[in-house]
Amino acid sequence: MRGDERTSPVADPRLLYSVEEAARLLGIGRTFMFQLVATSEVGSLKIGKRRKIPRRALDDYIARLIAEQDPPQPRSG
C-alpha cells in the first residue's frame, strides 16, 4: 500500500476522523481545521474527550464550498 492510499477517503472505510486526519484529507492545516470545527463550518462530535469529524461532514463542507464558488450559470434562451 502506498502512503497516500492510507489517507484517501475512497480507500479509507472509516466513518470518523481525528481533527488532524480530517485536516490532512482536506489539505489544510490543523489550526484552520480546528477553526472550522469551532465555527461549525465542519460538523464534529465528541467521543469521550476526543473530537471526531464524520466523513459525511467533510463531504458536506466540500459540497458547500463548490456550491458557493461555482454558482449555476443563467440559462440562455
Protein backbone atom coordinates (compact mmCIF):
# COMPACT_ATOMS: atom_id res chain seq x y z
CA MET A 1 0.00 0.00 0.00
CA ARG A 2 1.34 3.43 -0.94
CA GLY A 3 1.37 6.15 1.72
CA ASP A 4 -1.24 8.35 0.01
CA GLU A 5 -3.71 5.45 -0.22
CA ARG A 6 -3.85 5.23 3.57
CA THR A 7 -5.42 8.69 3.90
CA SER A 8 -7.56 8.58 0.77
CA PRO A 9 -11.27 8.88 1.63
CA VAL A 10 -12.02 6.31 -1.08
CA ALA A 11 -9.57 3.73 0.30
CA ASP A 12 -10.41 4.51 3.94
CA PRO A 13 -13.73 2.96 5.05
CA ARG A 14 -13.75 4.72 8.44
CA LEU A 15 -16.71 6.89 9.33
CA LEU A 16 -14.85 9.19 11.75
CA TYR A 17 -11.53 11.03 11.60
CA SER A 18 -9.47 12.93 14.13
CA VAL A 19 -9.16 16.66 13.53
CA GLU A 20 -5.60 16.13 12.32
CA GLU A 21 -6.66 13.38 9.89
CA ALA A 22 -9.53 15.50 8.57
CA ALA A 23 -7.16 18.42 8.03
CA ARG A 24 -4.78 16.17 6.12
CA LEU A 25 -7.63 14.87 3.93
CA LEU A 26 -8.69 18.43 3.09
CA GLY A 27 -5.11 19.57 2.56
CA ILE A 28 -5.34 22.29 5.20
CA GLY A 29 -3.54 22.98 8.45
CA ARG A 30 -4.54 21.59 11.83
CA THR A 31 -5.20 25.06 13.27
CA PHE A 32 -7.52 26.01 10.40
CA MET A 33 -9.36 22.69 10.79
CA PHE A 34 -9.91 23.43 14.49
CA GLN A 35 -11.24 26.86 13.47
CA LEU A 36 -13.70 25.27 11.02
CA VAL A 37 -14.91 22.96 13.79
CA ALA A 38 -15.16 25.79 16.36
CA THR A 39 -17.28 27.90 13.99
CA SER A 40 -19.42 24.88 12.99
CA GLU A 41 -18.34 25.17 9.36
CA VAL A 42 -17.48 21.48 9.65
CA GLY A 43 -19.60 19.27 11.86
CA SER A 44 -17.99 17.27 14.63
CA LEU A 45 -18.83 15.20 17.65
CA LYS A 46 -17.17 14.23 20.89
CA ILE A 47 -16.44 10.68 21.87
CA GLY A 48 -15.14 10.80 25.40
CA LYS A 49 -12.55 13.56 25.38
CA ARG A 50 -11.79 13.26 21.68
CA ARG A 51 -13.23 15.43 18.92
CA LYS A 52 -14.10 13.42 15.80
CA ILE A 53 -15.10 14.56 12.32
CA PRO A 54 -17.64 12.40 10.47
CA ARG A 55 -16.70 11.62 6.87
CA ARG A 56 -20.09 13.00 5.84
CA ALA A 57 -19.27 16.36 7.48
CA LEU A 58 -16.20 16.62 5.23
CA ASP A 59 -18.29 15.74 2.16
CA ASP A 60 -20.93 18.33 3.14
CA TYR A 61 -18.28 21.02 3.67
CA ILE A 62 -16.73 20.34 0.26
CA ALA A 63 -20.16 20.41 -1.40
CA ARG A 64 -20.93 23.80 0.22
CA LEU A 65 -17.60 25.22 -0.97
CA ILE A 66 -18.29 24.04 -4.51
CA ALA A 67 -21.81 25.49 -4.47
CA GLU A 68 -20.57 28.85 -3.15
CA GLN A 69 -17.72 29.14 -5.62
CA ASP A 70 -19.43 27.74 -8.68
CA PRO A 71 -22.92 29.30 -8.86
CA PRO A 72 -25.28 28.00 -11.52
CA GLN A 73 -24.96 29.74 -14.87
CA PRO A 74 -28.04 31.63 -16.14
CA ARG A 75 -29.93 29.87 -18.88
CA SER A 76 -29.83 31.44 -22.30
CA GLY A 77 -32.81 31.32 -24.46
